[in-house]
Protein backbone atom coordinates (compact mmCIF):
# COMPACT_ATOMS: atom_id res chain seq x y z
CA MET A 1 22.48 31.29 56.76
CA PHE A 2 23.21 33.75 53.82
CA CYS A 3 27.16 33.46 55.27
CA SER A 4 26.57 29.98 54.75
CA TYR A 5 25.05 30.36 50.99
CA ILE A 6 27.92 32.45 50.23
CA PHE A 7 30.80 29.69 51.04
CA TRP A 8 29.23 26.79 49.18
CA ALA A 9 28.69 30.02 46.15
CA VAL A 10 32.19 30.13 47.15
CA LEU A 11 33.44 26.80 47.33
CA SER A 12 30.87 25.80 43.92
CA LEU A 13 32.87 28.68 41.89
CA SER A 14 36.36 27.76 42.78
CA GLY A 15 35.75 23.98 42.19
CA PHE A 16 34.55 24.72 38.70
CA LEU A 17 37.26 27.45 37.85
CA SER A 18 39.86 24.46 39.08
CA GLU A 19 38.34 22.32 36.65
CA PHE A 20 38.31 24.68 33.89
CA HIS A 21 41.98 25.22 34.75
CA VAL A 22 42.40 21.24 34.38
CA LEU A 23 40.64 21.45 31.20
CA ALA A 24 42.57 24.63 29.91
CA GLY A 25 45.90 23.43 30.56
CA CYS A 26 45.99 19.97 29.34
CA ASP A 27 49.65 18.89 27.60
CA ASN A 28 47.73 16.18 24.53
CA ASN A 29 51.55 15.70 24.18
CA CYS A 30 53.15 13.56 27.28
CA ALA A 31 54.38 10.67 26.79
CA ASP A 32 52.82 8.77 29.62
CA LYS A 33 48.69 9.93 29.32
CA PRO A 34 46.02 8.25 31.31
CA VAL A 35 44.56 5.06 29.67
CA PHE A 36 40.76 4.73 29.86
CA SER A 37 39.34 1.17 29.47
CA PRO A 38 37.42 1.01 27.53
CA PRO A 39 38.65 3.77 25.30
CA ARG A 40 34.58 4.94 24.81
CA LEU A 41 31.77 4.47 26.94
CA VAL A 42 28.38 4.06 25.71
CA VAL A 43 25.58 3.48 27.59
CA MET A 44 21.34 3.70 27.98
CA PHE A 45 20.00 6.11 29.37
CA GLY A 46 19.12 4.52 32.60
CA LYS A 47 21.35 1.90 32.96
CA SER A 48 24.38 1.82 35.56
CA ALA A 49 27.96 2.33 33.20
CA SER A 50 31.27 1.95 34.64
CA ALA A 51 34.94 2.82 33.60
CA SER A 52 38.55 2.73 35.03
CA CYS A 53 41.48 4.93 34.40
CA SER A 54 45.21 3.69 34.72
CA VAL A 55 46.10 7.45 35.35
CA CYS A 56 50.10 6.19 34.87
CA GLN A 57 52.98 3.92 34.47
CA HIS A 58 55.61 5.59 36.92
CA ALA A 59 55.75 9.22 36.16
CA CYS A 60 52.47 10.68 38.13
CA HIS A 61 53.42 8.62 41.99
CA ASN A 62 52.96 11.13 44.86
CA LYS A 63 51.47 13.64 42.27
CA LEU A 64 47.79 15.49 41.96
CA VAL A 65 46.25 12.33 39.92
CA GLY A 66 42.06 13.08 39.66
CA LEU A 67 39.01 11.93 37.62
CA GLU A 68 36.91 15.32 36.41
CA LYS A 69 33.21 13.86 35.72
CA SER A 70 29.75 15.13 35.86
CA ILE A 71 27.91 12.46 37.33
CA GLY A 72 28.91 9.11 39.22
CA GLU A 73 31.40 8.33 42.53
CA GLU A 74 35.03 7.32 41.67
CA GLN A 75 37.35 5.29 44.05
CA ARG A 76 41.29 5.09 43.62
CA ASN A 77 43.51 2.38 44.59
CA GLY A 78 46.77 3.99 43.54
CA THR A 79 47.44 5.13 40.37
CA THR A 80 44.01 3.40 39.22
CA ILE A 81 40.45 5.25 39.52
CA LEU A 82 37.42 3.40 38.71
CA TRP A 83 34.46 5.44 37.52
CA THR A 84 31.03 4.06 38.54
CA VAL A 85 27.60 5.37 37.86
CA ASP A 86 24.80 3.18 39.35
CA LYS A 87 22.01 5.06 37.03
CA MET A 88 23.04 7.57 34.02
CA ASP A 89 20.22 10.16 34.56
CA GLN A 90 22.78 12.62 32.57
CA PHE A 91 23.95 13.34 29.23
CA PRO A 92 27.49 13.88 29.85
CA SER A 93 29.92 14.35 26.79
CA SER A 94 33.07 12.90 28.19
CA ALA A 95 35.27 12.47 31.65
CA VAL A 96 39.04 13.50 31.76
CA CYS A 97 41.26 11.51 33.99
CA TYR A 98 44.53 13.21 34.70
CA TYR A 99 47.62 14.42 36.79
CA LYS A 100 49.94 17.36 37.76
CA LYS A 101 52.75 17.59 35.64
CA GLY A 102 56.20 19.36 37.51
CA ASN A 103 55.49 22.52 35.38
CA GLY A 104 51.67 23.18 36.61
CA SER A 105 50.26 21.26 32.96
CA HIS A 106 48.14 18.76 33.27
CA CYS A 107 48.30 15.28 31.41
CA CYS A 108 44.96 14.23 30.17
CA SER A 109 42.90 11.57 28.63
CA THR A 110 39.18 12.00 27.36
CA LEU A 111 36.54 9.38 28.01
CA PRO A 112 34.45 10.30 24.98
CA ILE A 113 30.63 9.28 26.72
CA THR A 114 27.76 8.29 24.41
CA VAL A 115 24.39 8.74 26.09
CA TYR A 116 21.13 6.96 24.03
CA GLN A 117 18.06 6.67 24.42
CA PRO A 118 15.37 4.90 22.08
CA PRO A 119 12.22 6.32 21.06
CA LYS A 120 9.66 6.59 24.01
CA LYS A 121 6.72 6.82 21.33
CA VAL A 122 6.51 6.74 17.05
CA GLU A 123 3.61 8.04 15.42
CA PHE A 124 2.80 7.95 11.89
CA GLY A 125 0.03 9.66 10.29
CA ILE A 126 -1.26 12.29 7.29
CA LEU A 127 -0.58 16.11 8.34
CA ASN A 128 -3.45 18.35 9.32
CA HIS A 129 -5.74 15.62 7.54
CA ASP A 130 -8.38 12.82 8.42
CA GLY A 131 -10.80 10.82 6.21
CA PRO A 132 -10.50 9.78 2.96
CA MET A 133 -7.54 11.41 0.33
CA LEU A 134 -8.34 12.72 -3.07
CA GLU A 135 -7.23 11.87 -6.30
CA GLY A 136 -4.87 14.07 -7.49
CA GLN A 137 -3.62 15.88 -4.33
CA GLN A 138 -0.83 16.08 -2.70
CA TYR A 139 -0.27 14.44 1.38
CA THR A 140 1.81 14.63 3.80
CA LEU A 141 2.75 11.50 5.72
CA TYR A 142 4.53 11.73 8.99
CA CYS A 143 6.73 9.80 11.60
CA ARG A 144 6.71 11.16 15.08
CA VAL A 145 9.64 10.42 17.16
CA THR A 146 9.74 11.16 21.18
CA LYS A 147 12.06 11.83 22.91
CA ALA A 148 15.81 10.11 21.29
CA ALA A 149 18.94 10.33 21.63
CA PRO A 150 21.33 10.55 19.90
CA LEU A 151 19.76 12.01 16.65
CA LYS A 152 22.50 10.77 14.50
CA ASN A 153 22.28 7.38 15.07
CA LEU A 154 18.38 7.84 14.46
CA ILE A 155 17.43 6.18 10.94
CA VAL A 156 13.73 6.25 9.90
CA THR A 157 11.96 4.30 7.18
CA LEU A 158 8.91 4.81 5.89
CA TYR A 159 7.19 2.28 4.33
CA GLN A 160 4.22 1.89 1.47
CA GLY A 161 3.65 -1.68 1.63
CA ASN A 162 7.03 -3.72 1.86
CA ASN A 163 8.62 -0.40 -0.33
CA VAL A 164 10.94 1.65 0.62
CA LEU A 165 8.74 5.09 0.84
CA GLY A 166 11.75 7.49 2.04
CA GLN A 167 14.66 6.90 4.61
CA HIS A 168 15.92 10.01 6.65
CA HIS A 169 19.35 9.81 8.73
CA LEU A 170 20.44 12.65 10.36
CA LYS A 171 24.17 12.06 10.79
CA ASN A 172 25.14 15.33 11.23
CA ASN A 173 23.03 16.47 13.93
CA THR A 174 24.77 17.10 17.19
CA GLU A 175 22.15 17.09 19.88
CA LYS A 176 22.71 14.72 22.49
CA LYS A 177 19.95 15.08 24.94
CA PRO A 178 16.31 13.21 23.84
CA THR A 179 14.99 15.49 21.44
CA ASP A 180 11.58 15.49 19.53
CA LYS A 181 11.57 15.23 15.91
CA MET A 182 9.52 14.83 13.05
CA PHE A 183 10.15 13.19 9.77
CA VAL A 184 7.77 14.00 6.34
CA ASN A 185 7.30 12.40 2.88
CA VAL A 186 4.66 13.82 0.59
CA ILE A 187 2.37 11.55 -1.56
CA ASN A 188 0.36 12.43 -5.13
CA ALA A 189 -2.71 10.47 -3.99
CA THR A 190 -3.58 8.22 -7.08
CA LYS A 191 -6.11 5.19 -7.43
CA GLU A 192 -2.89 2.46 -6.51
CA ASN A 193 -2.75 4.53 -2.86
CA ASN A 194 -6.58 3.37 -2.62
CA GLY A 195 -5.93 0.62 0.39
CA ALA A 196 -2.53 1.03 0.53
CA GLU A 197 -0.69 0.06 3.69
CA TYR A 198 2.17 2.68 5.22
CA GLN A 199 4.22 2.70 8.28
CA CYS A 200 7.15 3.92 10.14
CA LEU A 201 10.77 1.82 10.96
CA THR A 202 12.90 3.78 13.74
CA GLN A 203 16.00 2.18 14.14
CA LEU A 204 18.68 3.28 17.07
CA ASP A 205 21.97 2.11 15.38
CA MET A 206 24.41 2.03 18.77
CA ARG A 207 26.64 -0.92 17.02
CA PRO A 208 29.35 -1.81 17.29
CA ASP A 209 29.08 -0.71 21.32
CA SER A 210 25.61 -1.41 21.67
CA GLY A 211 22.96 -2.72 19.91
CA ASP A 212 20.58 -1.88 17.32
CA TYR A 213 16.86 -0.76 18.86
CA THR A 214 13.86 -0.90 16.28
CA ASP A 215 10.44 0.15 17.09
CA LEU A 216 7.65 0.26 13.94
CA SER A 217 4.61 2.66 14.09
CA GLN A 218 1.53 1.47 13.70
CA LYS A 219 -0.29 0.62 10.12
CA LEU A 220 -2.19 3.59 7.97
CA THR A 221 -4.11 1.88 5.68
CA THR A 222 -5.25 4.87 3.36
CA ILE A 223 -8.33 5.70 1.24
CA VAL A 224 -8.35 7.75 -1.61
CA TYR A 225 -11.31 8.79 -3.32
CA TYR A 226 -10.98 8.68 -7.12
CA LYS A 227 -13.26 9.37 -10.31
CA PRO A 228 -14.91 5.94 -12.43
CA GLN A 229 -13.01 4.58 -14.73
CA PHE A 230 -14.53 2.33 -17.62
CA MET A 231 -13.23 -1.53 -16.99
CA GLY A 232 -15.37 -3.50 -19.98
CA PRO A 233 -13.52 -4.77 -22.80
CA ALA A 234 -12.59 -2.44 -26.21
CA HIS A 235 -15.81 -2.30 -28.51
CA GLY A 236 -16.90 -1.21 -31.42
CA PRO A 237 -20.16 -1.28 -33.85
CA ILE A 238 -22.28 -4.15 -32.68
CA SER A 239 -24.06 -6.13 -35.58
CA LEU A 240 -26.54 -8.58 -34.79
CA THR A 241 -29.70 -9.99 -36.38
CA VAL A 242 -32.88 -10.57 -35.71
CA GLY A 243 -33.60 -13.45 -32.73
CA GLU A 244 -29.62 -13.02 -31.26
CA HIS A 245 -28.97 -12.24 -27.99
CA LEU A 246 -27.93 -8.83 -27.03
CA HIS A 247 -25.19 -8.23 -24.08
CA LEU A 248 -23.84 -4.67 -22.90
CA ASN A 249 -21.48 -4.71 -20.66
CA CYS A 250 -20.63 -1.20 -18.43
CA SER A 251 -18.49 -2.10 -15.73
CA ALA A 252 -16.83 0.29 -14.05
CA GLU A 253 -14.47 0.75 -11.13
CA GLY A 254 -14.09 4.30 -8.45
CA ASN A 255 -14.29 5.15 -4.55
CA PRO A 256 -17.31 5.97 -3.88
CA ARG A 257 -18.85 2.89 -5.41
CA PRO A 258 -20.23 4.35 -9.07
CA SER A 259 -23.66 3.93 -10.10
CA VAL A 260 -24.20 3.18 -13.48
CA THR A 261 -27.85 4.47 -15.74
CA TRP A 262 -28.73 3.42 -19.30
CA ARG A 263 -30.08 5.78 -21.78
CA LEU A 264 -32.13 3.18 -24.42
CA PRO A 265 -32.94 4.11 -28.02
CA SER A 266 -36.57 3.85 -26.69
CA ALA A 267 -36.15 6.92 -24.68
CA ALA A 268 -36.49 4.51 -21.41
CA ALA A 269 -33.99 4.24 -18.78
CA PHE A 270 -32.08 1.54 -16.69
CA ASN A 271 -30.01 1.12 -14.05
CA GLY A 272 -27.12 -1.72 -13.62
CA ASP A 273 -23.85 -2.46 -14.79
CA VAL A 274 -25.23 -4.99 -17.72
CA PHE A 275 -27.87 -4.33 -19.43
CA SER A 276 -29.54 -7.52 -21.95
CA VAL A 277 -32.12 -8.58 -23.86
CA ASP A 278 -32.61 -12.41 -24.88
CA SER A 279 -34.18 -12.02 -28.36
CA VAL A 280 -33.61 -8.73 -30.65
CA THR A 281 -35.82 -7.40 -32.56
CA THR A 282 -35.20 -4.35 -35.43
CA ALA A 283 -37.10 -2.00 -32.67
CA HIS A 284 -33.66 -2.56 -30.56
CA ASN A 285 -31.40 -0.86 -33.17
CA GLY A 286 -29.69 2.34 -32.02
CA LYS A 287 -27.08 4.20 -29.59
CA TYR A 288 -27.61 2.63 -26.08
CA ILE A 289 -25.60 5.22 -23.43
CA CYS A 290 -24.41 4.06 -20.25
CA SER A 291 -23.90 6.97 -17.67
CA ILE A 292 -20.79 6.38 -14.86
CA SER A 293 -20.47 8.53 -12.04
CA ASN A 294 -20.10 9.32 -8.10
CA SER A 295 -18.67 11.59 -6.47
CA MET A 296 -15.18 12.89 -7.94
CA GLY A 297 -16.33 12.30 -11.58
CA ARG A 298 -18.62 11.39 -14.50
CA THR A 299 -17.74 9.36 -17.64
CA THR A 300 -20.25 8.41 -20.31
CA VAL A 301 -19.78 4.87 -22.58
CA GLU A 302 -21.88 4.57 -26.13
CA PHE A 303 -22.92 1.40 -27.41
CA ASP A 304 -23.60 1.24 -31.62
CA VAL A 305 -26.00 -1.73 -32.05
CA ASP A 306 -27.66 -2.84 -35.62
CA VAL A 307 -29.94 -5.01 -35.58
CA LYS A 308 -30.00 -6.69 -39.37
CA VAL A 309 -33.04 -9.25 -40.78
CA ASN A 310 -31.51 -12.43 -42.09
CA TYR A 311 -33.57 -13.36 -45.22
CA THR A 312 -31.38 -15.85 -46.11
CA TYR A 313 -33.21 -17.94 -43.04
CA ILE A 314 -36.73 -16.62 -44.68
CA ILE A 315 -35.94 -17.70 -47.84
CA LEU A 316 -34.85 -20.69 -47.41
CA ALA A 317 -37.94 -21.22 -44.85
CA VAL A 318 -40.32 -20.18 -47.93
CA VAL A 319 -38.28 -22.66 -50.03
CA ALA A 320 -38.29 -25.82 -47.64
CA ALA A 321 -42.40 -24.90 -47.30
CA VAL A 322 -43.31 -25.35 -51.08
CA VAL A 323 -40.95 -28.64 -50.98
CA VAL A 324 -42.79 -29.92 -48.85
CA LEU A 325 -46.34 -28.88 -50.33
CA VAL A 326 -45.76 -30.34 -53.27
CA VAL A 327 -44.47 -33.42 -51.49
CA ILE A 328 -47.45 -33.99 -50.37
CA VAL A 329 -49.38 -33.45 -53.05
CA ILE A 330 -47.18 -35.97 -54.83
CA ILE A 331 -48.34 -38.28 -52.43
CA ALA A 332 -51.85 -37.23 -52.79
CA VAL A 333 -52.04 -38.24 -56.01
CA CYS A 334 -50.45 -41.08 -55.84
CA VAL A 335 -52.68 -42.30 -53.13
CA HIS A 336 -55.69 -41.49 -54.99
CA TYR A 337 -55.02 -43.25 -58.27
CA TYR A 338 -53.61 -46.52 -56.90
CA ARG A 339 -57.07 -46.73 -54.56
CA LEU A 340 -58.48 -46.34 -58.25
CA ASN A 341 -56.39 -48.93 -60.46
CA ARG A 342 -55.73 -51.51 -57.61
CA THR A 343 -58.72 -52.23 -55.40
CA GLY A 344 -61.12 -52.78 -58.35
CA LYS A 345 -63.47 -49.44 -57.38
CA TYR A 346 -65.40 -48.17 -60.41
CA SER A 347 -67.23 -45.10 -60.37
CA LEU A 348 -71.23 -45.30 -61.77
CA GLY A 349 -70.55 -43.50 -64.97
CA ASP A 350 -68.63 -46.30 -66.07
CA VAL A 351 -71.65 -48.23 -65.27
CA LEU A 352 -73.91 -45.63 -67.55
CA ARG A 353 -71.23 -45.57 -70.39
CA PHE A 354 -71.71 -49.34 -70.82
CA ARG A 355 -74.36 -49.33 -73.93
CA THR A 356 -73.94 -52.87 -75.72
CA PRO A 357 -77.60 -54.78 -74.89
CA HIS A 358 -77.33 -58.39 -72.97
CA VAL A 359 -77.89 -61.86 -74.94
CA ALA A 360 -79.61 -64.33 -72.79
CA LEU A 361 -78.06 -67.59 -73.39
CA PRO A 362 -79.05 -70.94 -72.97
CA ASP A 363 -78.17 -72.82 -70.11
CA GLY A 364 -75.52 -75.12 -70.94
CA GLU A 365 -74.48 -73.08 -74.29
CA LEU A 366 -71.28 -71.02 -74.02
C-alpha cells in the first residue's frame, strides 16, 4: 500500500513537472499557433462549458499535441481538440493548447477563462445600530454581498429613494473565487431622512460574453428623531379690540411627536396646539408663551397680545342714544298738542276762567 502511494505521488509530480515544463517552454512567437474557439470562455459557476482548439494547420502532424487544463474532459480528432466541462465547479483562470516543436519548445495558445457567480445573498442595513437614528449623528449604511465572483465585475449602488447615494466598483480587484464583501456609505442623520427609503442594487456585469445580473436588497425605512420646530406663521405684536376673536397657533413638528403647553397671562396653563378666545376683553392683555418639547429638545414661542377699547363705538352709541331720546321727546310733545287742538277737549281750568254773566233771552229773540 505504501508503495502504491509512492507510485501515484511520483506520477502526479511527474505530470506537474511536465505541465510546468510545457508552460515554461512556450514559444509565443511561433508562426502556426493553436487557435481556440471561442477565443475566451465566460461561464457561470455550476454550468457546463466547452471549447475547441485547432492545434495547427499543417506543421504539427505526427508531433506531440495536448491540452493543459485543471477540469473537464478532452477528445481529439486529428489536430483538433474538443474540451468539455459538464459542471464548472472550479475557478480555473486558463487552459493551454500546445504542440511540441522539433527543437523541444512548445507552440502554445492560452484560453482565458472567467467563471462568474452572481451574489448568493444581498443584505442591507445600518452598521452596529438598531432603532431610530438621532438628528446630527453619523451612521454607516452597509450593503453586504455573499459569494460573488469576480469582484472586478461587480457594481454596487446604494440608493436613497430614486437618488444615488453612492456607487462602488472594484475594477482592480484580482480575486477570482466567490468572495464576501461589504460596501459602506456614511450619512448624517437629518429630519429629511425621517421616513426615507434606502436600498442596495448589485450588478454583476458580464457583458458582452454573458448577461447582466442584478439583485435588489430589501428596503430599509429610516426613523430619525429630531427636536421640535415651530411651524406656525411669522408673527409680531397682536392688536385686538374688545369683543374680537383671539386665535394663537403654536403648531410644531418633531419626532417623537412634541407636546405643547401654554402659559397664559392669568398664570393659568393650557395644553394643545391652538389657543383661542371667542370674545376678548382687556383682561386678555399680556404675553402668551407656548412651550414645545420632546425627548430631543425644547423650544418656546411668545405672543404679545394687546387688547384695546374702541371708544369710537362708545361715542357713536351715546350719540345714537341721545338722538333716539330726543326723537322720542319730540314725538311725545307733538302727540300731546295734537290731542289738545284737534279733538276739542278742554280742561276744567278753562271753564272756571269764564266769568261773563249769562243773559237769558226770550224765546224767539236773537
